[in-house]
Amino acid sequence: MDLFVLKSWLIARFSNNERGANLVEYVLLLTFIALLVIVVVTNLGNKVSTKFSSASSQLG
């Protein structure tokens, strides 16, 4: 086994660097917000479409 690879693995394994964990948390939070926005826009879109159809049929 190459000593550089072993050294890199040991540093990564036993260091207290949590930058990757923070990145994962931000990605999960962003994904949750995106899903929430998609659900809200879909539901509002259906309601608005129904209102416009109703108004259009009453006008013409």
Protein backbone atom coordinates (compact mmCIF):
# COMPACT_ATOMS: atom_id res chain seq x y z
CA MET A 1 0.00 0.00 0.00
CA ASP A 2 1.27 3.43 -0.86
CA LEU A 3 2.22 5.42 2.24
CA PHE A 4 0.73 8.63 0.84
CA VAL A 5 -2.66 6.97 0.48
CA LEU A 6 -2.41 5.58 4.02
CA LYS A 7 -1.41 8.98 5.39
CA SER A 8 -4.28 10.70 3.56
CA TRP A 9 -6.78 8.14 4.81
CA LEU A 10 -5.59 8.48 8.41
CA ILE A 11 -5.80 12.27 8.28
CA ALA A 12 -9.28 12.16 6.79
CA ARG A 13 -10.43 9.52 9.26
CA PHE A 14 -9.20 11.11 12.47
CA SER A 15 -9.38 14.84 11.75
CA ASN A 16 -12.09 17.02 13.24
CA ASN A 17 -12.97 18.69 9.97
CA GLU A 18 -16.76 18.74 9.54
CA ARG A 19 -17.03 20.85 6.40
CA GLY A 20 -18.48 17.94 4.45
CA ALA A 21 -21.14 17.34 7.10
CA ASN A 22 -22.22 20.97 6.89
CA LEU A 23 -22.45 20.72 3.13
CA VAL A 24 -24.66 17.63 3.38
CA GLU A 25 -26.94 19.41 5.86
CA TYR A 26 -27.29 22.40 3.53
CA VAL A 27 -28.06 20.16 0.56
CA LEU A 28 -30.73 18.29 2.53
CA LEU A 29 -32.27 21.56 3.70
CA LEU A 30 -32.26 22.95 0.17
CA THR A 31 -33.87 19.76 -1.14
CA PHE A 32 -36.60 19.94 1.51
CA ILE A 33 -37.32 23.59 0.68
CA ALA A 34 -37.43 22.83 -3.07
CA LEU A 35 -39.90 19.97 -2.53
CA LEU A 36 -42.06 22.18 -0.32
CA VAL A 37 -42.10 24.93 -2.96
CA ILE A 38 -43.03 22.43 -5.69
CA VAL A 39 -45.95 21.08 -3.64
CA VAL A 40 -47.23 24.57 -2.78
CA VAL A 41 -46.94 25.85 -6.35
CA THR A 42 -48.69 22.77 -7.72
CA ASN A 43 -51.59 23.12 -5.30
CA LEU A 44 -51.92 26.87 -5.84
CA GLY A 45 -51.64 26.39 -9.58
CA ASN A 46 -54.58 24.01 -9.61
CA LYS A 47 -56.71 26.37 -7.51
CA VAL A 48 -55.83 29.40 -9.64
CA SER A 49 -56.55 27.46 -12.82
CA THR A 50 -59.98 26.52 -11.47
CA LYS A 51 -60.73 30.16 -10.58
CA PHE A 52 -59.70 31.39 -14.04
CA SER A 53 -61.80 28.71 -15.73
CA SER A 54 -64.79 29.67 -13.62
CA ALA A 55 -64.35 33.37 -14.37
CA SER A 56 -63.88 32.68 -18.07
CA SER A 57 -67.05 30.61 -18.31
CA GLN A 58 -69.04 33.32 -16.52
CA LEU A 59 -67.75 36.03 -18.89
CA GLY A 60 -68.29 34.24 -22.13
